[in-house]
């Protein structure tokens, strides 16, 4: 799982012409969930996405949709966080 975190003065997400989320000053998290080198299957990735968004009490886009993300960086402050599953 990778998260690119950016500090913003404002941001919004639009899906099919409808604004589904918007914030003022805060953080935008662009979340990618993978399995090995390929993108994770939706039935695996979506519950993880929902769990992360819920833990952050975050507004969200629409999983699997084509989203238009607009943001105004405040900084620049950008942090890349990468978590790997434990190896067995």
N, C-alpha and C. Protein backbone atom coordinates (compact mmCIF):
# COMPACT_ATOMS: atom_id res chain seq x y z
N UNK A 1 0.86 -1.16 0.00
CA UNK A 1 0.00 0.00 0.00
C UNK A 1 0.90 1.22 0.00
N UNK A 2 0.57 2.18 -0.85
CA UNK A 2 1.32 3.43 -0.91
C UNK A 2 0.36 4.59 -0.73
N UNK A 3 0.80 5.58 0.01
CA UNK A 3 0.01 6.79 0.18
C UNK A 3 0.90 7.99 -0.08
N UNK A 4 0.47 8.84 -0.99
CA UNK A 4 1.15 10.10 -1.23
C UNK A 4 0.32 11.16 -0.51
N UNK A 5 0.92 11.81 0.46
CA UNK A 5 0.21 12.77 1.31
C UNK A 5 0.71 14.17 0.96
N UNK A 6 -0.23 15.06 0.66
CA UNK A 6 0.13 16.44 0.33
C UNK A 6 -0.67 17.40 1.20
N UNK A 7 0.03 18.42 1.72
CA UNK A 7 -0.67 19.47 2.46
C UNK A 7 -1.25 20.43 1.42
N UNK A 8 -2.53 20.79 1.60
CA UNK A 8 -3.21 21.64 0.63
C UNK A 8 -3.93 22.79 1.34
N UNK A 9 -4.16 23.86 0.58
CA UNK A 9 -5.01 24.93 1.10
C UNK A 9 -6.47 24.67 0.72
N UNK A 10 -6.68 23.86 -0.33
CA UNK A 10 -8.01 23.41 -0.71
C UNK A 10 -7.89 22.26 -1.70
N UNK A 11 -8.93 21.44 -1.77
CA UNK A 11 -8.94 20.32 -2.71
C UNK A 11 -10.38 19.86 -2.93
N UNK A 12 -10.60 19.22 -4.08
CA UNK A 12 -11.92 18.65 -4.36
C UNK A 12 -11.77 17.46 -5.29
N UNK A 13 -12.79 16.60 -5.28
CA UNK A 13 -12.86 15.44 -6.15
C UNK A 13 -14.20 15.48 -6.88
N UNK A 14 -14.15 15.35 -8.20
CA UNK A 14 -15.35 15.34 -9.03
C UNK A 14 -15.42 14.02 -9.78
N UNK A 15 -16.61 13.41 -9.78
CA UNK A 15 -16.86 12.16 -10.51
C UNK A 15 -18.08 12.40 -11.41
N UNK A 16 -17.89 12.20 -12.70
CA UNK A 16 -18.97 12.35 -13.68
C UNK A 16 -19.70 13.68 -13.52
N UNK A 17 -18.94 14.75 -13.31
CA UNK A 17 -19.52 16.08 -13.19
C UNK A 17 -20.07 16.44 -11.83
N UNK A 18 -20.10 15.50 -10.88
CA UNK A 18 -20.60 15.76 -9.53
C UNK A 18 -19.43 15.88 -8.56
N UNK A 19 -19.38 16.99 -7.80
CA UNK A 19 -18.35 17.13 -6.76
C UNK A 19 -18.75 16.22 -5.61
N UNK A 20 -17.90 15.22 -5.32
CA UNK A 20 -18.22 14.24 -4.28
C UNK A 20 -17.49 14.51 -2.98
N UNK A 21 -16.47 15.36 -3.01
CA UNK A 21 -15.74 15.71 -1.79
C UNK A 21 -15.01 17.03 -2.00
N UNK A 22 -14.88 17.79 -0.92
CA UNK A 22 -14.13 19.06 -0.97
C UNK A 22 -13.67 19.41 0.43
N UNK A 23 -12.46 19.97 0.53
CA UNK A 23 -11.93 20.41 1.82
C UNK A 23 -11.27 21.77 1.64
N UNK A 24 -11.12 22.48 2.75
CA UNK A 24 -10.29 23.67 2.81
C UNK A 24 -8.89 23.21 3.20
N UNK A 25 -8.20 23.96 4.07
CA UNK A 25 -6.86 23.56 4.48
C UNK A 25 -6.85 22.17 5.11
N UNK A 26 -5.88 21.36 4.71
CA UNK A 26 -5.79 20.00 5.25
C UNK A 26 -4.81 19.16 4.47
N UNK A 27 -5.07 17.86 4.46
CA UNK A 27 -4.20 16.90 3.78
C UNK A 27 -4.99 16.13 2.74
N UNK A 28 -4.36 15.91 1.59
CA UNK A 28 -4.91 15.03 0.56
C UNK A 28 -4.06 13.77 0.57
N UNK A 29 -4.73 12.61 0.61
CA UNK A 29 -4.04 11.32 0.58
C UNK A 29 -4.43 10.62 -0.71
N UNK A 30 -3.45 10.39 -1.57
CA UNK A 30 -3.66 9.62 -2.78
C UNK A 30 -3.20 8.20 -2.46
N UNK A 31 -4.14 7.26 -2.39
CA UNK A 31 -3.88 5.93 -1.87
C UNK A 31 -3.84 4.91 -3.00
N UNK A 32 -2.79 4.10 -3.03
CA UNK A 32 -2.67 3.01 -3.99
C UNK A 32 -2.48 1.71 -3.25
N UNK A 33 -3.28 0.70 -3.60
CA UNK A 33 -3.18 -0.60 -2.94
C UNK A 33 -2.78 -1.61 -4.00
N UNK A 34 -1.65 -2.28 -3.78
CA UNK A 34 -1.13 -3.21 -4.77
C UNK A 34 -0.89 -4.58 -4.15
N UNK A 35 -0.71 -5.54 -5.02
CA UNK A 35 -0.30 -6.88 -4.63
C UNK A 35 0.86 -7.24 -5.53
N UNK A 36 2.02 -7.42 -4.97
CA UNK A 36 3.25 -7.62 -5.74
C UNK A 36 3.45 -6.43 -6.68
N UNK A 37 3.62 -6.67 -7.99
CA UNK A 37 3.88 -5.59 -8.93
C UNK A 37 2.63 -5.15 -9.70
N UNK A 38 1.50 -5.81 -9.49
CA UNK A 38 0.27 -5.47 -10.21
C UNK A 38 -0.69 -4.76 -9.25
N UNK A 39 -1.60 -4.03 -9.79
CA UNK A 39 -2.66 -3.43 -8.97
C UNK A 39 -3.49 -4.52 -8.34
N UNK A 40 -3.92 -4.37 -6.97
CA UNK A 40 -4.68 -5.42 -6.27
C UNK A 40 -6.08 -5.52 -6.88
N UNK A 41 -6.66 -6.70 -6.84
CA UNK A 41 -8.02 -6.91 -7.35
C UNK A 41 -9.00 -6.08 -6.52
N UNK A 42 -10.07 -5.56 -7.13
CA UNK A 42 -11.01 -4.69 -6.41
C UNK A 42 -11.58 -5.31 -5.14
N UNK A 43 -11.89 -6.60 -5.16
CA UNK A 43 -12.48 -7.21 -3.96
C UNK A 43 -11.50 -7.25 -2.79
N UNK A 44 -10.22 -7.13 -3.06
CA UNK A 44 -9.20 -7.06 -2.01
C UNK A 44 -8.89 -5.60 -1.66
N UNK A 45 -8.79 -4.76 -2.68
CA UNK A 45 -8.37 -3.37 -2.48
C UNK A 45 -9.45 -2.50 -1.85
N UNK A 46 -10.70 -2.68 -2.25
CA UNK A 46 -11.75 -1.78 -1.76
C UNK A 46 -11.94 -1.84 -0.24
N UNK A 47 -11.97 -3.03 0.39
CA UNK A 47 -12.10 -3.05 1.85
C UNK A 47 -10.91 -2.35 2.55
N UNK A 48 -9.71 -2.50 1.99
CA UNK A 48 -8.55 -1.81 2.58
C UNK A 48 -8.68 -0.30 2.44
N UNK A 49 -9.12 0.15 1.26
CA UNK A 49 -9.36 1.56 1.01
C UNK A 49 -10.38 2.11 2.01
N UNK A 50 -11.48 1.40 2.20
CA UNK A 50 -12.52 1.84 3.14
C UNK A 50 -12.00 1.87 4.57
N UNK A 51 -11.17 0.89 4.93
CA UNK A 51 -10.62 0.84 6.29
C UNK A 51 -9.70 2.01 6.55
N UNK A 52 -8.82 2.33 5.59
CA UNK A 52 -7.91 3.47 5.74
C UNK A 52 -8.70 4.77 5.79
N UNK A 53 -9.64 4.95 4.87
CA UNK A 53 -10.44 6.18 4.85
C UNK A 53 -11.23 6.33 6.15
N UNK A 54 -11.78 5.25 6.65
CA UNK A 54 -12.53 5.29 7.91
C UNK A 54 -11.63 5.63 9.09
N UNK A 55 -10.43 5.04 9.13
CA UNK A 55 -9.50 5.32 10.23
C UNK A 55 -9.07 6.78 10.24
N UNK A 56 -8.99 7.39 9.04
CA UNK A 56 -8.60 8.80 8.94
C UNK A 56 -9.80 9.74 9.03
N UNK A 57 -11.00 9.17 9.12
CA UNK A 57 -12.23 9.97 9.09
C UNK A 57 -12.21 10.91 7.90
N UNK A 58 -11.86 10.37 6.74
CA UNK A 58 -11.59 11.16 5.55
C UNK A 58 -12.80 11.26 4.63
N UNK A 59 -12.92 12.41 3.97
CA UNK A 59 -13.80 12.49 2.82
C UNK A 59 -13.15 11.66 1.74
N UNK A 60 -13.92 11.17 0.80
CA UNK A 60 -13.33 10.29 -0.20
C UNK A 60 -13.94 10.48 -1.57
N UNK A 61 -13.18 10.01 -2.53
CA UNK A 61 -13.69 9.94 -3.89
C UNK A 61 -14.60 8.75 -4.02
N UNK A 62 -14.65 8.16 -5.19
CA UNK A 62 -15.49 6.99 -5.43
C UNK A 62 -14.58 5.87 -5.93
N UNK A 63 -14.47 4.81 -5.17
CA UNK A 63 -13.56 3.72 -5.49
C UNK A 63 -13.81 3.20 -6.90
N UNK A 64 -12.74 3.10 -7.68
CA UNK A 64 -12.81 2.54 -9.03
C UNK A 64 -13.32 3.49 -10.10
N UNK A 65 -13.75 4.69 -9.71
CA UNK A 65 -14.29 5.64 -10.68
C UNK A 65 -13.17 6.46 -11.29
N UNK A 66 -13.45 7.06 -12.45
CA UNK A 66 -12.55 8.04 -13.03
C UNK A 66 -12.80 9.34 -12.28
N UNK A 67 -11.79 9.83 -11.56
CA UNK A 67 -11.96 11.00 -10.70
C UNK A 67 -11.11 12.15 -11.19
N UNK A 68 -11.67 13.35 -11.11
CA UNK A 68 -10.92 14.57 -11.35
C UNK A 68 -10.58 15.15 -9.98
N UNK A 69 -9.29 15.19 -9.68
CA UNK A 69 -8.82 15.70 -8.39
C UNK A 69 -8.19 17.06 -8.62
N UNK A 70 -8.72 18.07 -7.94
CA UNK A 70 -8.16 19.42 -8.01
C UNK A 70 -7.62 19.77 -6.64
N UNK A 71 -6.39 20.29 -6.60
CA UNK A 71 -5.83 20.68 -5.31
C UNK A 71 -4.87 21.84 -5.47
N UNK A 72 -4.74 22.58 -4.40
CA UNK A 72 -3.77 23.68 -4.33
C UNK A 72 -2.79 23.33 -3.22
N UNK A 73 -1.56 22.98 -3.62
CA UNK A 73 -0.53 22.62 -2.64
C UNK A 73 -0.25 23.78 -1.70
N UNK A 74 0.02 23.45 -0.44
CA UNK A 74 0.39 24.45 0.56
C UNK A 74 1.75 24.02 1.10
N UNK A 75 2.78 24.62 0.61
CA UNK A 75 4.09 24.23 1.10
C UNK A 75 5.21 24.55 0.16
N UNK A 76 5.84 23.61 -0.40
CA UNK A 76 5.42 22.25 -0.68
C UNK A 76 5.69 21.31 0.49
N UNK A 77 4.69 20.52 0.81
CA UNK A 77 4.84 19.43 1.78
C UNK A 77 4.23 18.20 1.13
N UNK A 78 5.08 17.24 0.79
CA UNK A 78 4.64 15.99 0.18
C UNK A 78 5.40 14.86 0.84
N UNK A 79 4.67 13.83 1.29
CA UNK A 79 5.27 12.68 1.97
C UNK A 79 4.78 11.40 1.31
N UNK A 80 5.70 10.50 0.97
CA UNK A 80 5.34 9.20 0.43
C UNK A 80 5.47 8.17 1.54
N UNK A 81 4.38 7.42 1.79
CA UNK A 81 4.36 6.38 2.82
C UNK A 81 4.12 5.06 2.11
N UNK A 82 4.97 4.08 2.36
CA UNK A 82 4.82 2.76 1.74
C UNK A 82 4.81 1.70 2.82
N UNK A 83 3.76 0.88 2.81
CA UNK A 83 3.64 -0.23 3.75
C UNK A 83 3.62 -1.53 2.98
N UNK A 84 4.43 -2.48 3.39
CA UNK A 84 4.45 -3.79 2.74
C UNK A 84 3.84 -4.80 3.69
N UNK A 85 3.11 -5.79 3.15
CA UNK A 85 2.58 -6.83 4.03
C UNK A 85 3.72 -7.67 4.60
N UNK A 86 3.52 -8.24 5.78
CA UNK A 86 4.56 -9.10 6.36
C UNK A 86 4.83 -10.30 5.47
N UNK A 87 6.07 -10.68 5.34
CA UNK A 87 6.45 -11.86 4.55
C UNK A 87 6.31 -13.10 5.43
N UNK A 88 5.76 -14.16 4.84
CA UNK A 88 5.61 -15.40 5.63
C UNK A 88 6.70 -16.39 5.33
